[in-house]
């Protein structure tokens, strides 16, 4: 009888011990997993970074791969995915600087001239996020044909993107107190184009645009002229 009781206590002890070990294992593994999520994922190919499964902030090395892919590919699907990934990462201030230092602004800006409507829109979205950084605004870059995007016949999605770009620049200049003084902008710069008379005429016309969203954005910008 005593032997059976001792055996029972031993068995119970083994079960409790195993349970405790399992709990410790789960806790330790959970901590390791949590630690790994907060770190950047291992370096992958540029194509992998465009498949929509990467939700981490990309490293400088990954951004460089992505920019190279964007510059070299002719595939519109890959180009669009690369722009989406860059645009999402450009929402982070640190990456706004990194992308600029990697020479990414002219690479993204070049896609504005792409005839593909969706690529053009995604490029403008990326530039909008990059333009929140004041130093990046100086780098953006456009020949005068850029102003054609402010015409009333341009698709609503494109118009809203370029108007948002203008708003971002206005907000930055207002914070620096430069809107009141209107300093002379270098000829050929984005500022020279946006604050010139030709753009002013286009903005006045957009105040009467048939789309409410476009009209409201234009109204917020027009007093700056």
N, C-alpha and C. Protein backbone atom coordinates (compact mmCIF):
# COMPACT_ATOMS: atom_id res chain seq x y z
N UNK A 1 0.84 -1.20 0.00
CA UNK A 1 0.00 0.00 0.00
C UNK A 1 0.88 1.25 0.00
N UNK A 2 1.92 1.21 0.92
CA UNK A 2 2.82 2.37 0.97
C UNK A 2 3.59 2.54 -0.30
N UNK A 3 3.97 1.39 -0.90
CA UNK A 3 4.72 1.47 -2.16
C UNK A 3 3.90 2.06 -3.27
N UNK A 4 2.62 1.73 -3.31
CA UNK A 4 1.73 2.28 -4.35
C UNK A 4 1.57 3.78 -4.19
N UNK A 5 1.47 4.19 -2.89
CA UNK A 5 1.31 5.63 -2.64
C UNK A 5 2.55 6.41 -3.07
N UNK A 6 3.72 5.84 -2.75
CA UNK A 6 4.98 6.50 -3.16
C UNK A 6 5.07 6.59 -4.67
N UNK A 7 4.68 5.49 -5.35
CA UNK A 7 4.71 5.49 -6.81
C UNK A 7 3.78 6.55 -7.38
N UNK A 8 2.62 6.71 -6.72
CA UNK A 8 1.67 7.73 -7.19
C UNK A 8 2.23 9.12 -7.07
N UNK A 9 2.90 9.39 -5.90
CA UNK A 9 3.49 10.72 -5.73
C UNK A 9 4.61 10.98 -6.74
N UNK A 10 5.38 9.95 -7.01
CA UNK A 10 6.46 10.09 -8.00
C UNK A 10 5.90 10.41 -9.38
N UNK A 11 4.83 9.68 -9.74
CA UNK A 11 4.20 9.92 -11.06
C UNK A 11 3.64 11.33 -11.15
N UNK A 12 2.99 11.76 -10.04
CA UNK A 12 2.43 13.12 -10.03
C UNK A 12 3.53 14.16 -10.17
N UNK A 13 4.65 13.88 -9.47
CA UNK A 13 5.78 14.81 -9.56
C UNK A 13 6.33 14.91 -10.95
N UNK A 14 6.39 13.77 -11.64
CA UNK A 14 6.90 13.77 -13.01
C UNK A 14 5.98 14.56 -13.93
N UNK A 15 4.66 14.39 -13.74
CA UNK A 15 3.70 15.12 -14.57
C UNK A 15 3.82 16.61 -14.35
N UNK A 16 3.88 17.03 -13.07
CA UNK A 16 4.01 18.46 -12.77
C UNK A 16 5.31 19.04 -13.30
N UNK A 17 6.38 18.23 -13.15
CA UNK A 17 7.67 18.68 -13.65
C UNK A 17 7.67 18.86 -15.14
N UNK A 18 7.05 17.91 -15.84
CA UNK A 18 6.96 18.01 -17.31
C UNK A 18 6.15 19.21 -17.73
N UNK A 19 5.06 19.44 -16.98
CA UNK A 19 4.22 20.60 -17.31
C UNK A 19 4.96 21.89 -17.12
N UNK A 20 5.73 21.98 -16.02
CA UNK A 20 6.50 23.21 -15.76
C UNK A 20 7.54 23.43 -16.83
N UNK A 21 8.21 22.34 -17.24
CA UNK A 21 9.22 22.45 -18.30
C UNK A 21 8.60 22.92 -19.60
N UNK A 22 7.42 22.42 -19.90
CA UNK A 22 6.74 22.81 -21.16
C UNK A 22 6.37 24.29 -21.12
N UNK A 23 5.88 24.74 -19.95
CA UNK A 23 5.52 26.15 -19.83
C UNK A 23 6.73 27.05 -20.02
N UNK A 24 7.85 26.63 -19.39
CA UNK A 24 9.08 27.41 -19.54
C UNK A 24 9.52 27.43 -21.00
N UNK A 25 9.39 26.27 -21.68
CA UNK A 25 9.75 26.18 -23.10
C UNK A 25 8.90 27.12 -23.94
N UNK A 26 7.58 27.10 -23.68
CA UNK A 26 6.70 27.97 -24.46
C UNK A 26 7.00 29.44 -24.20
N UNK A 27 7.25 29.78 -22.94
CA UNK A 27 7.55 31.17 -22.59
C UNK A 27 8.83 31.64 -23.25
N UNK A 28 9.87 30.79 -23.17
CA UNK A 28 11.15 31.14 -23.77
C UNK A 28 11.04 31.27 -25.27
N UNK A 29 10.31 30.34 -25.92
CA UNK A 29 10.15 30.38 -27.38
C UNK A 29 9.36 31.59 -27.82
N UNK A 30 8.34 31.95 -26.99
CA UNK A 30 7.55 33.14 -27.31
C UNK A 30 8.38 34.39 -27.25
N UNK A 31 9.28 34.47 -26.24
CA UNK A 31 10.15 35.64 -26.12
C UNK A 31 11.10 35.73 -27.30
N UNK A 32 11.60 34.55 -27.74
CA UNK A 32 12.51 34.54 -28.89
C UNK A 32 11.80 34.99 -30.15
N UNK A 33 10.56 34.53 -30.32
CA UNK A 33 9.79 34.94 -31.51
C UNK A 33 9.52 36.43 -31.49
N UNK A 34 9.14 36.95 -30.29
CA UNK A 34 8.87 38.37 -30.20
C UNK A 34 10.10 39.19 -30.50
N UNK A 35 11.25 38.70 -30.03
CA UNK A 35 12.51 39.40 -30.30
C UNK A 35 12.82 39.42 -31.77
N UNK A 36 12.60 38.27 -32.44
CA UNK A 36 12.87 38.21 -33.88
C UNK A 36 11.95 39.13 -34.65
N UNK A 37 10.74 39.60 -34.44
CA UNK A 37 9.75 40.37 -35.15
C UNK A 37 10.11 41.84 -35.13
N UNK A 38 10.85 42.06 -33.87
CA UNK A 38 11.23 43.47 -33.78
C UNK A 38 12.49 43.79 -34.56
N UNK A 39 13.18 42.75 -35.02
CA UNK A 39 14.38 42.97 -35.83
C UNK A 39 14.02 42.93 -37.30
N UNK A 40 14.88 43.50 -38.14
CA UNK A 40 14.68 43.44 -39.58
C UNK A 40 14.85 42.00 -40.05
N UNK A 41 14.10 41.63 -41.05
CA UNK A 41 14.20 40.28 -41.59
C UNK A 41 15.52 40.11 -42.33
N UNK A 42 15.96 38.87 -42.50
CA UNK A 42 17.20 38.63 -43.24
C UNK A 42 17.12 39.20 -44.65
N UNK A 43 18.27 39.54 -45.18
CA UNK A 43 18.33 40.10 -46.53
C UNK A 43 17.76 39.13 -47.54
N UNK A 44 16.92 39.66 -48.43
CA UNK A 44 16.30 38.84 -49.46
C UNK A 44 16.49 39.51 -50.81
N UNK A 45 16.07 38.81 -51.85
CA UNK A 45 16.21 39.39 -53.18
C UNK A 45 15.24 40.54 -53.33
N UNK A 46 15.52 41.42 -54.29
CA UNK A 46 14.66 42.58 -54.50
C UNK A 46 13.25 42.15 -54.90
N UNK A 47 13.15 41.08 -55.69
CA UNK A 47 11.83 40.61 -56.10
C UNK A 47 11.01 40.17 -54.90
N UNK A 48 11.67 39.54 -53.93
CA UNK A 48 10.96 39.11 -52.72
C UNK A 48 10.39 40.30 -51.97
N UNK A 49 11.08 41.42 -52.02
CA UNK A 49 10.64 42.60 -51.28
C UNK A 49 9.40 43.24 -51.90
N UNK A 50 9.01 42.81 -53.10
CA UNK A 50 7.86 43.42 -53.77
C UNK A 50 6.63 42.52 -53.76
N UNK A 51 6.71 41.39 -53.07
CA UNK A 51 5.59 40.44 -53.15
C UNK A 51 4.49 40.71 -52.15
N UNK A 52 4.62 41.79 -51.39
CA UNK A 52 3.55 42.17 -50.48
C UNK A 52 3.60 41.49 -49.12
N UNK A 53 4.54 40.57 -48.91
CA UNK A 53 4.61 39.85 -47.65
C UNK A 53 5.58 40.49 -46.66
N UNK A 54 6.29 41.51 -47.12
CA UNK A 54 7.28 42.16 -46.25
C UNK A 54 6.64 43.37 -45.58
N UNK A 55 6.38 43.26 -44.27
CA UNK A 55 5.72 44.35 -43.55
C UNK A 55 6.66 45.04 -42.57
N UNK A 56 7.94 44.74 -42.65
CA UNK A 56 8.93 45.39 -41.79
C UNK A 56 9.47 46.65 -42.46
N UNK A 57 10.11 47.50 -41.65
CA UNK A 57 10.84 48.64 -42.20
C UNK A 57 12.10 48.10 -42.84
N UNK A 58 12.31 48.42 -44.11
CA UNK A 58 13.45 47.87 -44.83
C UNK A 58 14.76 48.53 -44.41
N UNK A 59 15.83 47.77 -44.52
CA UNK A 59 17.16 48.29 -44.23
C UNK A 59 17.68 49.06 -45.44
N UNK A 60 18.78 49.76 -45.26
CA UNK A 60 19.39 50.50 -46.37
C UNK A 60 19.77 49.56 -47.51
N UNK A 61 20.29 48.39 -47.15
CA UNK A 61 20.67 47.41 -48.17
C UNK A 61 19.46 46.95 -48.98
N UNK A 62 18.36 46.69 -48.31
CA UNK A 62 17.14 46.26 -48.99
C UNK A 62 16.56 47.37 -49.87
N UNK A 63 16.61 48.60 -49.37
CA UNK A 63 16.12 49.73 -50.16
C UNK A 63 16.96 49.93 -51.41
N UNK A 64 18.27 49.72 -51.27
CA UNK A 64 19.16 49.84 -52.44
C UNK A 64 18.81 48.80 -53.49
N UNK A 65 18.55 47.57 -53.05
CA UNK A 65 18.14 46.51 -53.98
C UNK A 65 16.85 46.90 -54.70
N UNK A 66 15.92 47.45 -53.93
CA UNK A 66 14.62 47.82 -54.48
C UNK A 66 14.75 48.94 -55.51
N UNK A 67 15.60 49.91 -55.23
CA UNK A 67 15.81 51.01 -56.16
C UNK A 67 16.49 50.53 -57.44
N UNK A 68 17.44 49.62 -57.29
CA UNK A 68 18.10 49.05 -58.47
C UNK A 68 17.09 48.31 -59.33
N UNK A 69 16.22 47.54 -58.68
CA UNK A 69 15.19 46.81 -59.41
C UNK A 69 14.26 47.77 -60.15
N UNK A 70 13.84 48.83 -59.46
CA UNK A 70 12.94 49.80 -60.06
C UNK A 70 13.57 50.48 -61.27
N UNK A 71 14.86 50.73 -61.18
CA UNK A 71 15.57 51.41 -62.26
C UNK A 71 15.82 50.49 -63.45
N UNK A 72 15.95 49.20 -63.19
CA UNK A 72 16.37 48.28 -64.26
C UNK A 72 15.24 47.48 -64.89
N UNK A 73 14.13 47.32 -64.18
CA UNK A 73 13.08 46.45 -64.71
C UNK A 73 12.22 47.17 -65.76
N UNK A 74 11.69 46.38 -66.68
CA UNK A 74 10.73 46.89 -67.66
C UNK A 74 9.35 46.29 -67.41
N UNK A 75 9.27 45.41 -66.42
CA UNK A 75 8.01 44.75 -66.10
C UNK A 75 7.12 45.71 -65.32
N UNK A 76 5.97 46.10 -65.87
CA UNK A 76 5.11 47.09 -65.19
C UNK A 76 4.58 46.60 -63.84
N UNK A 77 4.36 45.30 -63.70
CA UNK A 77 3.85 44.76 -62.45
C UNK A 77 4.90 44.87 -61.35
N UNK A 78 6.13 44.47 -61.66
CA UNK A 78 7.22 44.58 -60.69
C UNK A 78 7.49 46.05 -60.36
N UNK A 79 7.45 46.90 -61.38
CA UNK A 79 7.68 48.32 -61.19
C UNK A 79 6.66 48.91 -60.22
N UNK A 80 5.40 48.54 -60.43
CA UNK A 80 4.34 49.05 -59.57
C UNK A 80 4.50 48.55 -58.14
N UNK A 81 4.82 47.27 -57.99
CA UNK A 81 5.00 46.72 -56.64
C UNK A 81 6.18 47.35 -55.93
N UNK A 82 7.25 47.61 -56.68
CA UNK A 82 8.43 48.24 -56.09
C UNK A 82 8.10 49.66 -55.61
N UNK A 83 7.31 50.37 -56.38
CA UNK A 83 6.91 51.73 -56.00
C UNK A 83 6.02 51.72 -54.77
N UNK A 84 5.14 50.74 -54.68
CA UNK A 84 4.27 50.63 -53.49
C UNK A 84 5.12 50.39 -52.25
N UNK A 85 6.08 49.45 -52.36
CA UNK A 85 6.95 49.15 -51.22
C UNK A 85 7.79 50.36 -50.82
N UNK A 86 8.33 51.06 -51.81
CA UNK A 86 9.12 52.26 -51.53
C UNK A 86 8.25 53.35 -50.91
N UNK A 87 7.05 53.51 -51.45
CA UNK A 87 6.14 54.52 -50.92
C UNK A 87 5.78 54.26 -49.46
N UNK A 88 5.52 53.00 -49.14
CA UNK A 88 5.19 52.65 -47.76
C UNK A 88 6.38 52.89 -46.83
N UNK A 89 7.58 52.55 -47.29
CA UNK A 89 8.76 52.75 -46.46
C UNK A 89 9.14 54.22 -46.35
N UNK A 90 8.77 55.01 -47.36
CA UNK A 90 9.07 56.44 -47.33
C UNK A 90 8.20 57.19 -46.33
N UNK A 91 7.25 56.50 -45.73
CA UNK A 91 6.44 57.13 -44.69
C UNK A 91 7.22 57.28 -43.39
N UNK A 92 8.35 56.57 -43.29
CA UNK A 92 9.20 56.65 -42.09
C UNK A 92 10.31 57.67 -42.32
N UNK A 93 10.49 58.57 -41.37
CA UNK A 93 11.44 59.67 -41.55
C UNK A 93 12.86 59.19 -41.81
N UNK A 94 13.27 58.11 -41.14
CA UNK A 94 14.63 57.61 -41.35
C UNK A 94 14.82 57.15 -42.78
N UNK A 95 13.82 56.49 -43.34
CA UNK A 95 13.93 56.00 -44.71
C UNK A 95 13.81 57.11 -45.74
N UNK A 96 13.17 58.21 -45.38
CA UNK A 96 13.13 59.36 -46.28
C UNK A 96 14.54 59.86 -46.55
N UNK A 97 15.35 59.85 -45.52
CA UNK A 97 16.75 60.28 -45.65
C UNK A 97 17.55 59.23 -46.42
N UNK A 98 17.37 57.96 -46.06
CA UNK A 98 18.14 56.89 -46.70
C UNK A 98 17.87 56.83 -48.20
N UNK A 99 16.61 56.90 -48.58
CA UNK A 99 16.25 56.83 -50.00
C UNK A 99 16.87 58.00 -50.76
N UNK A 100 16.87 59.16 -50.14
CA UNK A 100 17.49 60.33 -50.78
C UNK A 100 18.99 60.13 -50.94
N UNK A 101 19.64 59.61 -49.89
CA UNK A 101 21.09 59.41 -49.94
C UNK A 101 21.48 58.33 -50.94
N UNK A 102 20.58 57.38 -51.19
CA UNK A 102 20.84 56.33 -52.17
C UNK A 102 20.55 56.78 -53.60
N UNK A 103 20.16 58.04 -53.76
CA UNK A 103 19.85 58.56 -55.09
C UNK A 103 18.50 58.10 -55.60
N UNK A 104 17.60 57.78 -54.68
CA UNK A 104 16.31 57.22 -55.07
C UNK A 104 15.28 58.21 -55.57
N UNK A 105 15.42 59.48 -55.20
CA UNK A 105 14.38 60.46 -55.58
C UNK A 105 14.28 60.63 -57.10
N UNK A 106 15.38 60.84 -57.83
CA UNK A 106 15.24 60.93 -59.29
C UNK A 106 14.78 59.63 -59.93
N UNK A 107 15.11 58.48 -59.31
CA UNK A 107 14.66 57.20 -59.86
C UNK A 107 13.15 57.09 -59.75
N UNK A 108 12.61 57.48 -58.59
CA UNK A 108 11.16 57.47 -58.41
C UNK A 108 10.51 58.54 -59.27
N UNK A 109 11.11 59.74 -59.28
CA UNK A 109 10.54 60.84 -60.05
C UNK A 109 10.46 60.56 -61.53
N UNK A 110 11.40 59.77 -62.04
CA UNK A 110 11.40 59.43 -63.46
C UNK A 110 10.16 58.64 -63.85
N UNK A 111 9.58 57.91 -62.89
CA UNK A 111 8.41 57.07 -63.20
C UNK A 111 7.13 57.90 -63.35
N UNK A 112 7.20 59.17 -63.00
CA UNK A 112 6.03 60.03 -63.22
C UNK A 112 5.72 60.15 -64.70
N UNK A 113 6.76 60.06 -65.52
CA UNK A 113 6.58 60.18 -66.97
C UNK A 113 6.13 58.88 -67.62
N UNK A 114 6.00 57.82 -66.85
CA UNK A 114 5.56 56.54 -67.41
C UNK A 114 4.13 56.65 -67.91
N UNK A 115 3.84 56.14 -69.09
CA UNK A 115 2.47 56.25 -69.62
C UNK A 115 1.45 55.41 -68.86
N UNK A 116 1.93 54.43 -68.09
CA UNK A 116 1.03 53.59 -67.31
C UNK A 116 0.42 54.41 -66.17
N UNK A 117 -0.89 54.52 -66.17
CA UNK A 117 -1.59 55.36 -65.20
C UNK A 117 -1.29 54.93 -63.75
N UNK A 118 -1.31 53.63 -63.50
CA UNK A 118 -1.11 53.13 -62.15
C UNK A 118 0.32 53.37 -61.67
N UNK A 119 1.29 53.19 -62.55
CA UNK A 119 2.69 53.44 -62.19
C UNK A 119 2.89 54.91 -61.87
N UNK A 120 2.31 55.76 -62.67
CA UNK A 120 2.42 57.21 -62.44
C UNK A 120 1.86 57.57 -61.06
N UNK A 121 0.70 57.00 -60.73
CA UNK A 121 0.07 57.30 -59.46
C UNK A 121 0.91 56.80 -58.28
N UNK A 122 1.46 55.58 -58.40
CA UNK A 122 2.27 55.02 -57.32
C UNK A 122 3.56 55.82 -57.13
N UNK A 123 4.12 56.31 -58.24
CA UNK A 123 5.33 57.14 -58.14
C UNK A 123 5.04 58.44 -57.41
N UNK A 124 3.90 59.04 -57.70
CA UNK A 124 3.52 60.28 -57.03
C UNK A 124 3.26 60.04 -55.54
N UNK A 125 2.68 58.90 -55.23
CA UNK A 125 2.44 58.57 -53.82
C UNK A 125 3.77 58.48 -53.07
N UNK A 126 4.75 57.82 -53.67
CA UNK A 126 6.07 57.70 -53.04
C UNK A 126 6.71 59.08 -52.88
N UNK A 127 6.60 59.92 -53.91
CA UNK A 127 7.17 61.27 -53.82
C UNK A 127 6.48 62.11 -52.76
N UNK A 128 5.17 61.90 -52.60
CA UNK A 128 4.44 62.63 -51.56
C UNK A 128 5.02 62.33 -50.18
N UNK A 129 5.27 61.05 -49.91
CA UNK A 129 5.84 60.68 -48.62
C UNK A 129 7.27 61.19 -48.47
N UNK A 130 8.03 61.14 -49.56
CA UNK A 130 9.41 61.65 -49.52
C UNK A 130 9.44 63.16 -49.33
N UNK A 131 8.44 63.85 -49.83
CA UNK A 131 8.44 65.32 -49.80
C UNK A 131 8.15 65.88 -48.42
N UNK A 132 7.75 65.04 -47.48
CA UNK A 132 7.55 65.51 -46.11
C UNK A 132 8.88 65.98 -45.52
N UNK A 133 9.97 65.43 -46.02
CA UNK A 133 11.32 65.85 -45.62
C UNK A 133 11.70 67.09 -46.43
N UNK A 134 12.04 68.17 -45.73
CA UNK A 134 12.33 69.44 -46.39
C UNK A 134 13.50 69.33 -47.37
N UNK A 135 14.55 68.64 -46.96
CA UNK A 135 15.72 68.52 -47.84
C UNK A 135 15.39 67.74 -49.11
N UNK A 136 14.46 66.80 -48.99
CA UNK A 136 14.08 66.02 -50.17
C UNK A 136 13.35 66.87 -51.20
N UNK A 137 12.65 67.90 -50.74
CA UNK A 137 11.92 68.76 -51.66
C UNK A 137 12.86 69.42 -52.66
N UNK A 138 14.06 69.73 -52.20
CA UNK A 138 15.04 70.37 -53.08
C UNK A 138 15.50 69.40 -54.15
N UNK A 139 15.51 68.10 -53.81
CA UNK A 139 15.98 67.08 -54.75
C UNK A 139 14.92 66.70 -55.78
N UNK A 140 13.68 66.94 -55.50
CA UNK A 140 12.61 66.53 -56.41
C UNK A 140 12.62 67.41 -57.64
N UNK A 141 12.77 65.95 -57.94
CA UNK A 141 12.89 66.62 -59.26
C UNK A 141 12.16 66.27 -60.52
N UNK A 142 11.88 68.37 -62.11
CA UNK A 142 10.86 67.98 -62.99
C UNK A 142 10.93 68.88 -64.11
N UNK A 143 10.93 68.44 -65.15
CA UNK A 143 10.98 69.60 -66.06
C UNK A 143 9.62 70.28 -66.08
N UNK A 144 9.49 71.20 -66.88
CA UNK A 144 8.25 71.99 -66.89
C UNK A 144 7.03 71.16 -67.26
N UNK A 145 7.23 70.03 -67.91
CA UNK A 145 6.08 69.19 -68.26
C UNK A 145 5.34 68.68 -67.03
N UNK A 146 6.00 68.76 -65.87
CA UNK A 146 5.36 68.33 -64.63
C UNK A 146 4.07 69.12 -64.38
N UNK A 147 4.06 70.37 -64.79
CA UNK A 147 2.89 71.21 -64.57
C UNK A 147 1.66 70.72 -65.33
N UNK A 148 1.88 69.91 -66.36
CA UNK A 148 0.74 69.39 -67.12
C UNK A 148 -0.13 68.46 -66.26
N UNK A 149 0.44 67.96 -65.16
CA UNK A 149 -0.33 67.09 -64.27
C UNK A 149 -1.38 67.87 -63.48
N UNK A 150 -1.28 69.19 -63.48
CA UNK A 150 -2.25 70.02 -62.76
C UNK A 150 -3.39 70.48 -63.66
N UNK A 151 -3.48 69.95 -64.84
CA UNK A 151 -4.58 70.30 -65.75
C UNK A 151 -5.87 69.59 -65.33
N UNK A 152 -6.98 70.24 -65.57
CA UNK A 152 -8.27 69.70 -65.15
C UNK A 152 -8.66 68.40 -65.80
N UNK A 153 -8.10 68.08 -66.96
CA UNK A 153 -8.49 66.84 -67.66
C UNK A 153 -7.74 65.62 -67.15
N UNK A 154 -6.75 65.83 -66.30
CA UNK A 154 -5.97 64.72 -65.75
C UNK A 154 -6.86 63.91 -64.81
N UNK A 155 -6.65 62.59 -64.77
CA UNK A 155 -7.45 61.72 -63.92
C UNK A 155 -7.42 62.18 -62.47
N UNK A 156 -8.54 61.99 -61.79
CA UNK A 156 -8.69 62.45 -60.42
C UNK A 156 -7.59 61.92 -59.51
N UNK A 157 -7.26 60.63 -59.64
CA UNK A 157 -6.25 60.02 -58.76
C UNK A 157 -4.90 60.73 -58.88
N UNK A 158 -4.55 61.08 -60.13
CA UNK A 158 -3.28 61.79 -60.37
C UNK A 158 -3.35 63.21 -59.82
N UNK A 159 -4.45 63.88 -60.06
CA UNK A 159 -4.61 65.25 -59.57
C UNK A 159 -4.49 65.32 -58.05
N UNK A 160 -5.13 64.39 -57.38
CA UNK A 160 -5.08 64.40 -55.92
C UNK A 160 -3.67 64.17 -55.41
N UNK A 161 -2.91 63.32 -56.12
CA UNK A 161 -1.53 63.06 -55.71
C UNK A 161 -0.66 64.31 -55.86
N UNK A 162 -0.77 64.98 -57.01
CA UNK A 162 0.09 66.15 -57.23
C UNK A 162 -0.34 67.32 -56.35
N UNK A 163 -1.63 67.41 -56.04
CA UNK A 163 -2.08 68.45 -55.13
C UNK A 163 -1.60 68.18 -53.71
N UNK A 164 -1.55 66.91 -53.33
CA UNK A 164 -1.02 66.55 -52.02
C UNK A 164 0.46 66.90 -51.92
N UNK A 165 1.18 66.67 -53.01
CA UNK A 165 2.59 67.06 -53.05
C UNK A 165 2.74 68.55 -52.81
N UNK A 166 1.90 69.33 -53.47
CA UNK A 166 1.92 70.78 -53.29
C UNK A 166 1.60 71.15 -51.84
N UNK A 167 0.62 70.48 -51.25
CA UNK A 167 0.26 70.74 -49.86
C UNK A 167 1.41 70.46 -48.91
N UNK A 168 2.11 69.36 -49.13
CA UNK A 168 3.25 69.02 -48.28
C UNK A 168 4.32 70.10 -48.32
N UNK A 169 4.57 70.59 -49.53
CA UNK A 169 5.58 71.64 -49.69
C UNK A 169 5.12 72.93 -49.02
N UNK A 170 3.85 73.27 -49.18
CA UNK A 170 3.29 74.46 -48.52
C UNK A 170 3.44 74.37 -47.00
N UNK A 171 3.12 73.21 -46.46
CA UNK A 171 3.19 73.03 -45.01
C UNK A 171 4.61 73.21 -44.50
N UNK A 172 5.57 72.66 -45.22
CA UNK A 172 6.97 72.79 -44.81
C UNK A 172 7.44 74.23 -44.88
N UNK A 173 7.08 74.92 -45.96
CA UNK A 173 7.49 76.32 -46.11
C UNK A 173 6.82 77.20 -45.06
N UNK A 174 5.57 76.86 -44.72
CA UNK A 174 4.88 77.63 -43.69
C UNK A 174 5.58 77.47 -42.34
N UNK A 175 5.98 76.24 -42.04
CA UNK A 175 6.67 75.99 -40.77
C UNK A 175 7.99 76.75 -40.69
N UNK A 176 8.62 76.98 -41.83
CA UNK A 176 9.89 77.70 -41.85
C UNK A 176 9.69 79.21 -42.03
N UNK A 177 8.42 79.62 -42.15
CA UNK A 177 8.11 81.04 -42.29
C UNK A 177 8.47 81.64 -43.63
N UNK A 178 8.57 80.80 -44.65
CA UNK A 178 9.00 81.29 -45.95
C UNK A 178 7.83 81.67 -46.87
N UNK A 179 6.62 81.23 -46.52
CA UNK A 179 5.49 81.57 -47.38
C UNK A 179 5.19 83.06 -47.37
N UNK A 180 5.41 83.69 -46.24
CA UNK A 180 5.12 85.12 -46.13
C UNK A 180 6.10 85.96 -46.93
N UNK A 181 7.35 85.52 -46.99
CA UNK A 181 8.37 86.31 -47.67
C UNK A 181 8.50 85.97 -49.15
N UNK A 182 8.10 84.73 -49.54
CA UNK A 182 8.21 84.27 -50.92
C UNK A 182 9.59 84.58 -51.51
N UNK A 183 10.62 83.92 -51.02
CA UNK A 183 11.97 84.18 -51.53
C UNK A 183 12.08 83.76 -52.99
N UNK A 184 13.04 84.32 -53.72
CA UNK A 184 13.22 83.90 -55.12
C UNK A 184 13.72 82.47 -55.18
N UNK A 185 13.01 81.63 -55.92
CA UNK A 185 13.40 80.23 -56.03
C UNK A 185 14.29 80.02 -57.25
N UNK A 186 15.26 79.12 -57.15
CA UNK A 186 16.16 78.86 -58.28
C UNK A 186 15.39 78.39 -59.51
N UNK A 187 15.72 78.93 -60.65
CA UNK A 187 15.05 78.54 -61.88
C UNK A 187 15.30 77.06 -62.18
N UNK A 188 14.24 76.37 -62.54
CA UNK A 188 14.34 74.94 -62.83
C UNK A 188 14.03 74.06 -61.64
N UNK A 189 13.92 74.67 -60.44
CA UNK A 189 13.59 73.88 -59.25
C UNK A 189 12.09 73.63 -59.20
N UNK A 190 11.70 72.65 -58.38
CA UNK A 190 10.27 72.36 -58.21
C UNK A 190 9.54 73.56 -57.63
N UNK A 191 10.20 74.28 -56.72
CA UNK A 191 9.58 75.46 -56.13
C UNK A 191 9.31 76.53 -57.19
N UNK A 192 10.27 76.69 -58.11
CA UNK A 192 10.12 77.69 -59.17
C UNK A 192 8.90 77.37 -60.03
N UNK A 193 8.69 76.08 -60.30
CA UNK A 193 7.54 75.67 -61.12
C UNK A 193 6.23 75.88 -60.37
N UNK A 194 6.19 75.40 -59.13
CA UNK A 194 4.93 75.41 -58.39
C UNK A 194 4.48 76.82 -57.99
N UNK A 195 5.43 77.71 -57.76
CA UNK A 195 5.07 79.05 -57.33
C UNK A 195 5.18 80.08 -58.46
N UNK A 196 5.24 79.57 -59.68
CA UNK A 196 5.26 80.45 -60.84
C UNK A 196 3.86 80.79 -61.32
N UNK A 197 3.78 81.71 -62.26
CA UNK A 197 2.48 82.20 -62.74
C UNK A 197 1.72 81.12 -63.50
N UNK A 198 2.44 80.28 -64.26
CA UNK A 198 1.74 79.24 -65.03
C UNK A 198 0.99 78.28 -64.10
N UNK A 199 1.64 77.88 -63.01
CA UNK A 199 0.98 76.98 -62.06
C UNK A 199 -0.15 77.70 -61.34
N UNK A 200 0.04 78.99 -61.07
CA UNK A 200 -1.01 79.77 -60.40
C UNK A 200 -2.29 79.78 -61.24
N UNK A 201 -2.14 79.93 -62.54
CA UNK A 201 -3.31 79.91 -63.42
C UNK A 201 -4.01 78.55 -63.40
N UNK A 202 -3.22 77.50 -63.38
CA UNK A 202 -3.79 76.16 -63.32
C UNK A 202 -4.54 75.93 -62.01
N UNK A 203 -3.97 76.42 -60.91
CA UNK A 203 -4.61 76.25 -59.62
C UNK A 203 -5.92 77.01 -59.55
N UNK A 204 -5.96 78.19 -60.13
CA UNK A 204 -7.21 78.97 -60.13
C UNK A 204 -8.30 78.24 -60.91
N UNK A 205 -7.90 77.56 -61.96
CA UNK A 205 -8.87 76.79 -62.75
C UNK A 205 -9.37 75.58 -61.97
N UNK A 206 -8.48 74.95 -61.20
CA UNK A 206 -8.88 73.76 -60.45
C UNK A 206 -9.84 74.08 -59.31
N UNK A 207 -9.90 75.33 -58.91
CA UNK A 207 -10.87 75.74 -57.89
C UNK A 207 -12.29 75.49 -58.37
N UNK A 208 -12.47 75.45 -59.68
CA UNK A 208 -13.80 75.22 -60.28
C UNK A 208 -13.92 73.81 -60.86
N UNK A 209 -13.04 72.91 -60.42
CA UNK A 209 -13.08 71.54 -60.93
C UNK A 209 -14.39 70.87 -60.53
N UNK A 210 -14.87 69.96 -61.38
CA UNK A 210 -16.15 69.30 -61.12
C UNK A 210 -16.10 68.33 -59.95
N UNK A 211 -14.89 67.83 -59.61
CA UNK A 211 -14.78 66.88 -58.51
C UNK A 211 -14.58 67.63 -57.20
N UNK A 212 -15.37 67.27 -56.18
CA UNK A 212 -15.33 67.98 -54.90
C UNK A 212 -13.98 67.84 -54.21
N UNK A 213 -13.40 66.65 -54.23
CA UNK A 213 -12.12 66.42 -53.54
C UNK A 213 -11.00 67.26 -54.16
N UNK A 214 -10.98 67.29 -55.49
CA UNK A 214 -9.97 68.10 -56.18
C UNK A 214 -10.17 69.58 -55.87
N UNK A 215 -11.42 70.00 -55.91
CA UNK A 215 -11.74 71.40 -55.66
C UNK A 215 -11.31 71.83 -54.25
N UNK A 216 -11.60 70.98 -53.26
CA UNK A 216 -11.25 71.32 -51.88
C UNK A 216 -9.75 71.45 -51.68
N UNK A 217 -8.99 70.55 -52.30
CA UNK A 217 -7.53 70.63 -52.18
C UNK A 217 -7.00 71.89 -52.85
N UNK A 218 -7.55 72.20 -54.01
CA UNK A 218 -7.11 73.40 -54.74
C UNK A 218 -7.41 74.66 -53.94
N UNK A 219 -8.56 74.69 -53.28
CA UNK A 219 -8.94 75.85 -52.49
C UNK A 219 -7.99 76.11 -51.33
N UNK A 220 -7.47 75.02 -50.75
CA UNK A 220 -6.52 75.18 -49.65
C UNK A 220 -5.17 75.71 -50.11
N UNK A 221 -4.87 75.54 -51.39
CA UNK A 221 -3.57 75.95 -51.92
C UNK A 221 -3.62 77.34 -52.54
N UNK A 222 -4.69 77.69 -53.18
CA UNK A 222 -4.78 78.94 -53.95
C UNK A 222 -4.47 80.20 -53.15
N UNK A 223 -4.80 80.30 -51.84
CA UNK A 223 -4.45 81.53 -51.10
C UNK A 223 -2.95 81.77 -50.99
N UNK A 224 -2.16 80.78 -51.29
CA UNK A 224 -0.70 80.93 -51.15
C UNK A 224 -0.11 81.75 -52.29
N UNK A 225 -0.91 82.02 -53.33
CA UNK A 225 -0.38 82.79 -54.47
C UNK A 225 -0.66 84.27 -54.28
